[in-house]
Amino acid sequence: MTTKRREFSPEFKREAAQLVLEQSYSISQASESLGVGPTALRRWVKQLMQERQGVTPKSKALTKEQQQIQALEKRVKRLELEKKILKKATTLLMSDEMLR
């Protein structure tokens, strides 16, 4: 029998990490009161500290600013892909036109 892995929202993770960073809870106190593992909480604290320093995480961002940066990066990537496809299509159409 497999157990389902719990998932937490970015808001929950951010608030849990803020308990440690801003309200002087220890990792063990905060993890026990929230019912999460200390390793996960340690990871969230580290991620929040990095995001506050301007590092965009590979996983889901915790801060609003980093979430917006991730959304914009995703959009830029998609637009670059569309541009590449259009360039190839134009090249094919132009070469077809030259052959006629």
N, C-alpha and C. Protein backbone atom coordinates (compact mmCIF):
# COMPACT_ATOMS: atom_id res chain seq x y z
N MET A 1 0.84 -1.17 0.00
CA MET A 1 0.00 0.00 0.00
C MET A 1 0.89 1.25 0.00
N THR A 2 0.60 2.17 -0.89
CA THR A 2 1.41 3.38 -0.97
C THR A 2 0.73 4.50 -0.20
N THR A 3 1.55 5.37 0.36
CA THR A 3 1.01 6.53 1.06
C THR A 3 1.10 7.73 0.13
N LYS A 4 0.10 8.58 0.20
CA LYS A 4 0.08 9.76 -0.65
C LYS A 4 0.96 10.84 -0.02
N ARG A 5 1.78 11.44 -0.83
CA ARG A 5 2.67 12.49 -0.38
C ARG A 5 1.88 13.78 -0.19
N ARG A 6 2.08 14.42 0.94
CA ARG A 6 1.36 15.67 1.20
C ARG A 6 1.96 16.80 0.38
N GLU A 7 1.10 17.70 -0.07
CA GLU A 7 1.54 18.87 -0.80
C GLU A 7 1.11 20.11 -0.04
N PHE A 8 1.98 21.11 -0.04
CA PHE A 8 1.71 22.35 0.66
C PHE A 8 1.74 23.51 -0.33
N SER A 9 0.89 24.48 -0.14
CA SER A 9 0.85 25.64 -1.02
C SER A 9 2.08 26.52 -0.78
N PRO A 10 2.45 27.31 -1.77
CA PRO A 10 3.58 28.23 -1.57
C PRO A 10 3.32 29.20 -0.40
N GLU A 11 2.07 29.58 -0.21
CA GLU A 11 1.73 30.50 0.89
C GLU A 11 2.01 29.85 2.24
N PHE A 12 1.62 28.58 2.38
CA PHE A 12 1.87 27.85 3.63
C PHE A 12 3.37 27.73 3.89
N LYS A 13 4.12 27.39 2.84
CA LYS A 13 5.56 27.25 2.98
C LYS A 13 6.21 28.57 3.39
N ARG A 14 5.77 29.66 2.74
CA ARG A 14 6.31 30.98 3.06
C ARG A 14 6.02 31.35 4.51
N GLU A 15 4.77 31.13 4.94
CA GLU A 15 4.39 31.48 6.32
C GLU A 15 5.13 30.61 7.33
N ALA A 16 5.34 29.34 7.02
CA ALA A 16 6.08 28.45 7.91
C ALA A 16 7.54 28.92 8.03
N ALA A 17 8.13 29.28 6.91
CA ALA A 17 9.52 29.76 6.93
C ALA A 17 9.63 31.09 7.67
N GLN A 18 8.60 31.92 7.56
CA GLN A 18 8.61 33.21 8.26
C GLN A 18 8.56 33.03 9.77
N LEU A 19 7.94 31.96 10.25
CA LEU A 19 7.94 31.68 11.68
C LEU A 19 9.38 31.56 12.19
N VAL A 20 10.21 30.91 11.41
CA VAL A 20 11.60 30.69 11.81
C VAL A 20 12.42 31.98 11.62
N LEU A 21 12.24 32.62 10.46
CA LEU A 21 13.08 33.78 10.14
C LEU A 21 12.67 35.06 10.87
N GLU A 22 11.38 35.27 11.05
CA GLU A 22 10.91 36.55 11.58
C GLU A 22 10.39 36.48 13.01
N GLN A 23 9.95 35.30 13.43
CA GLN A 23 9.36 35.21 14.77
C GLN A 23 10.20 34.37 15.73
N SER A 24 11.42 34.08 15.32
CA SER A 24 12.41 33.41 16.18
C SER A 24 12.00 32.04 16.71
N TYR A 25 11.16 31.33 15.95
CA TYR A 25 10.88 29.94 16.30
C TYR A 25 12.08 29.11 15.88
N SER A 26 12.34 28.04 16.58
CA SER A 26 13.37 27.11 16.11
C SER A 26 12.74 26.21 15.06
N ILE A 27 13.57 25.58 14.28
CA ILE A 27 13.08 24.65 13.24
C ILE A 27 12.22 23.57 13.89
N SER A 28 12.70 23.01 14.98
CA SER A 28 11.97 21.91 15.63
C SER A 28 10.64 22.39 16.21
N GLN A 29 10.61 23.58 16.83
CA GLN A 29 9.36 24.11 17.38
C GLN A 29 8.33 24.34 16.27
N ALA A 30 8.77 25.00 15.21
CA ALA A 30 7.85 25.32 14.11
C ALA A 30 7.37 24.05 13.41
N SER A 31 8.28 23.12 13.15
CA SER A 31 7.87 21.90 12.44
C SER A 31 6.89 21.08 13.27
N GLU A 32 7.12 21.03 14.57
CA GLU A 32 6.22 20.29 15.45
C GLU A 32 4.83 20.94 15.51
N SER A 33 4.80 22.25 15.64
CA SER A 33 3.50 22.92 15.75
C SER A 33 2.72 22.90 14.43
N LEU A 34 3.43 22.85 13.31
CA LEU A 34 2.76 22.84 12.01
C LEU A 34 2.49 21.43 11.49
N GLY A 35 3.15 20.45 12.08
CA GLY A 35 2.95 19.08 11.64
C GLY A 35 3.66 18.75 10.35
N VAL A 36 4.82 19.38 10.14
CA VAL A 36 5.64 19.08 8.96
C VAL A 36 7.00 18.61 9.43
N GLY A 37 7.71 17.97 8.57
CA GLY A 37 9.04 17.48 8.92
C GLY A 37 10.06 18.60 9.01
N PRO A 38 11.02 18.47 9.90
CA PRO A 38 12.04 19.52 10.04
C PRO A 38 12.90 19.69 8.79
N THR A 39 13.11 18.62 8.05
CA THR A 39 13.91 18.71 6.83
C THR A 39 13.20 19.58 5.79
N ALA A 40 11.91 19.36 5.64
CA ALA A 40 11.13 20.17 4.69
C ALA A 40 11.14 21.63 5.10
N LEU A 41 10.93 21.88 6.38
CA LEU A 41 10.91 23.26 6.87
C LEU A 41 12.27 23.92 6.68
N ARG A 42 13.34 23.19 6.93
CA ARG A 42 14.68 23.72 6.72
C ARG A 42 14.86 24.13 5.25
N ARG A 43 14.36 23.30 4.34
CA ARG A 43 14.45 23.57 2.89
C ARG A 43 13.66 24.83 2.53
N TRP A 44 12.47 24.98 3.13
CA TRP A 44 11.65 26.17 2.85
C TRP A 44 12.31 27.44 3.36
N VAL A 45 12.92 27.36 4.54
CA VAL A 45 13.61 28.52 5.12
C VAL A 45 14.76 28.93 4.21
N LYS A 46 15.53 27.95 3.77
CA LYS A 46 16.67 28.22 2.87
C LYS A 46 16.17 28.85 1.56
N GLN A 47 15.09 28.30 1.02
CA GLN A 47 14.55 28.82 -0.24
C GLN A 47 14.06 30.25 -0.06
N LEU A 48 13.36 30.53 1.04
CA LEU A 48 12.86 31.88 1.27
C LEU A 48 14.00 32.87 1.42
N MET A 49 15.05 32.47 2.12
CA MET A 49 16.21 33.35 2.27
C MET A 49 16.84 33.65 0.91
N GLN A 50 16.96 32.63 0.07
CA GLN A 50 17.55 32.82 -1.26
C GLN A 50 16.68 33.71 -2.13
N GLU A 51 15.35 33.50 -2.06
CA GLU A 51 14.44 34.32 -2.87
C GLU A 51 14.52 35.78 -2.45
N ARG A 52 14.66 36.02 -1.17
CA ARG A 52 14.78 37.40 -0.68
C ARG A 52 16.08 38.05 -1.16
N GLN A 53 17.06 37.23 -1.50
CA GLN A 53 18.32 37.74 -2.03
C GLN A 53 18.28 37.87 -3.56
N GLY A 54 17.14 37.51 -4.16
CA GLY A 54 16.98 37.67 -5.60
C GLY A 54 17.24 36.43 -6.42
N VAL A 55 17.43 35.29 -5.79
CA VAL A 55 17.68 34.04 -6.51
C VAL A 55 16.34 33.41 -6.88
N THR A 56 16.14 33.16 -8.17
CA THR A 56 14.91 32.52 -8.63
C THR A 56 15.06 31.01 -8.46
N PRO A 57 14.16 30.37 -7.72
CA PRO A 57 14.29 28.93 -7.47
C PRO A 57 13.86 28.09 -8.67
N LYS A 58 14.32 26.85 -8.69
CA LYS A 58 13.90 25.92 -9.75
C LYS A 58 12.51 25.37 -9.46
N SER A 59 12.16 25.25 -8.19
CA SER A 59 10.83 24.78 -7.80
C SER A 59 9.88 25.99 -7.73
N LYS A 60 8.65 25.74 -7.28
CA LYS A 60 7.69 26.84 -7.17
C LYS A 60 8.17 27.89 -6.20
N ALA A 61 8.10 29.14 -6.62
CA ALA A 61 8.56 30.25 -5.80
C ALA A 61 7.62 30.48 -4.62
N LEU A 62 8.18 31.01 -3.54
CA LEU A 62 7.40 31.29 -2.34
C LEU A 62 6.94 32.74 -2.29
N THR A 63 7.77 33.66 -2.78
CA THR A 63 7.42 35.08 -2.72
C THR A 63 6.69 35.50 -4.00
N LYS A 64 5.86 36.51 -3.87
CA LYS A 64 5.08 37.00 -5.02
C LYS A 64 6.00 37.47 -6.14
N GLU A 65 7.08 38.16 -5.79
CA GLU A 65 8.00 38.68 -6.80
C GLU A 65 8.62 37.55 -7.61
N GLN A 66 9.08 36.51 -6.91
CA GLN A 66 9.70 35.39 -7.61
C GLN A 66 8.68 34.60 -8.42
N GLN A 67 7.44 34.53 -7.93
CA GLN A 67 6.38 33.86 -8.70
C GLN A 67 6.14 34.61 -10.01
N GLN A 68 6.15 35.95 -9.93
CA GLN A 68 5.95 36.76 -11.13
C GLN A 68 7.13 36.60 -12.09
N ILE A 69 8.33 36.55 -11.56
CA ILE A 69 9.52 36.34 -12.40
C ILE A 69 9.43 35.00 -13.11
N GLN A 70 9.02 33.95 -12.38
CA GLN A 70 8.89 32.63 -13.01
C GLN A 70 7.85 32.65 -14.12
N ALA A 71 6.73 33.33 -13.89
CA ALA A 71 5.68 33.40 -14.91
C ALA A 71 6.19 34.15 -16.15
N LEU A 72 6.92 35.24 -15.94
CA LEU A 72 7.45 36.00 -17.06
C LEU A 72 8.52 35.21 -17.82
N GLU A 73 9.37 34.47 -17.10
CA GLU A 73 10.37 33.64 -17.76
C GLU A 73 9.72 32.55 -18.61
N LYS A 74 8.65 31.99 -18.10
CA LYS A 74 7.91 30.96 -18.84
C LYS A 74 7.32 31.57 -20.12
N ARG A 75 6.79 32.77 -19.99
CA ARG A 75 6.18 33.45 -21.15
C ARG A 75 7.24 33.79 -22.19
N VAL A 76 8.39 34.28 -21.75
CA VAL A 76 9.48 34.61 -22.67
C VAL A 76 9.93 33.35 -23.42
N LYS A 77 10.06 32.26 -22.70
CA LYS A 77 10.48 30.99 -23.32
C LYS A 77 9.50 30.56 -24.41
N ARG A 78 8.20 30.69 -24.10
CA ARG A 78 7.18 30.32 -25.08
C ARG A 78 7.22 31.24 -26.31
N LEU A 79 7.37 32.54 -26.08
CA LEU A 79 7.44 33.48 -27.19
C LEU A 79 8.67 33.25 -28.06
N GLU A 80 9.80 32.91 -27.44
CA GLU A 80 11.00 32.60 -28.21
C GLU A 80 10.80 31.35 -29.07
N LEU A 81 10.11 30.36 -28.52
CA LEU A 81 9.82 29.15 -29.28
C LEU A 81 8.90 29.47 -30.47
N GLU A 82 7.88 30.28 -30.23
CA GLU A 82 6.97 30.67 -31.32
C GLU A 82 7.72 31.44 -32.39
N LYS A 83 8.63 32.31 -31.98
CA LYS A 83 9.43 33.09 -32.93
C LYS A 83 10.29 32.16 -33.78
N LYS A 84 10.89 31.16 -33.15
CA LYS A 84 11.73 30.20 -33.86
C LYS A 84 10.90 29.42 -34.89
N ILE A 85 9.70 29.02 -34.49
CA ILE A 85 8.81 28.28 -35.40
C ILE A 85 8.42 29.16 -36.59
N LEU A 86 8.10 30.41 -36.32
CA LEU A 86 7.73 31.33 -37.41
C LEU A 86 8.89 31.57 -38.37
N LYS A 87 10.10 31.67 -37.85
CA LYS A 87 11.28 31.85 -38.71
C LYS A 87 11.44 30.65 -39.65
N LYS A 88 11.29 29.45 -39.08
CA LYS A 88 11.43 28.24 -39.91
C LYS A 88 10.33 28.18 -40.97
N ALA A 89 9.11 28.53 -40.58
CA ALA A 89 8.00 28.52 -41.53
C ALA A 89 8.24 29.53 -42.65
N THR A 90 8.73 30.70 -42.30
CA THR A 90 9.02 31.73 -43.30
C THR A 90 10.10 31.26 -44.25
N THR A 91 11.13 30.63 -43.72
CA THR A 91 12.22 30.11 -44.55
C THR A 91 11.70 29.06 -45.52
N LEU A 92 10.84 28.16 -45.03
CA LEU A 92 10.27 27.13 -45.91
C LEU A 92 9.40 27.75 -47.00
N LEU A 93 8.58 28.71 -46.63
CA LEU A 93 7.72 29.36 -47.61
C LEU A 93 8.54 30.12 -48.65
N MET A 94 9.59 30.77 -48.22
CA MET A 94 10.44 31.53 -49.14
C MET A 94 11.16 30.59 -50.10
N SER A 95 11.65 29.44 -49.60
CA SER A 95 12.37 28.50 -50.47
C SER A 95 11.39 27.86 -51.47
N ASP A 96 10.17 27.62 -51.03
CA ASP A 96 9.13 27.10 -51.92
C ASP A 96 8.84 28.10 -53.04
N GLU A 97 8.79 29.37 -52.66
CA GLU A 97 8.49 30.43 -53.61
C GLU A 97 9.63 30.55 -54.62
N MET A 98 10.87 30.36 -54.20
CA MET A 98 12.04 30.47 -55.08
C MET A 98 12.05 29.33 -56.11
N LEU A 99 11.58 28.15 -55.68
CA LEU A 99 11.60 26.99 -56.58
C LEU A 99 10.57 27.12 -57.68
N ARG A 100 9.55 27.91 -57.50
CA ARG A 100 8.50 28.04 -58.51
C ARG A 100 8.88 28.96 -59.60
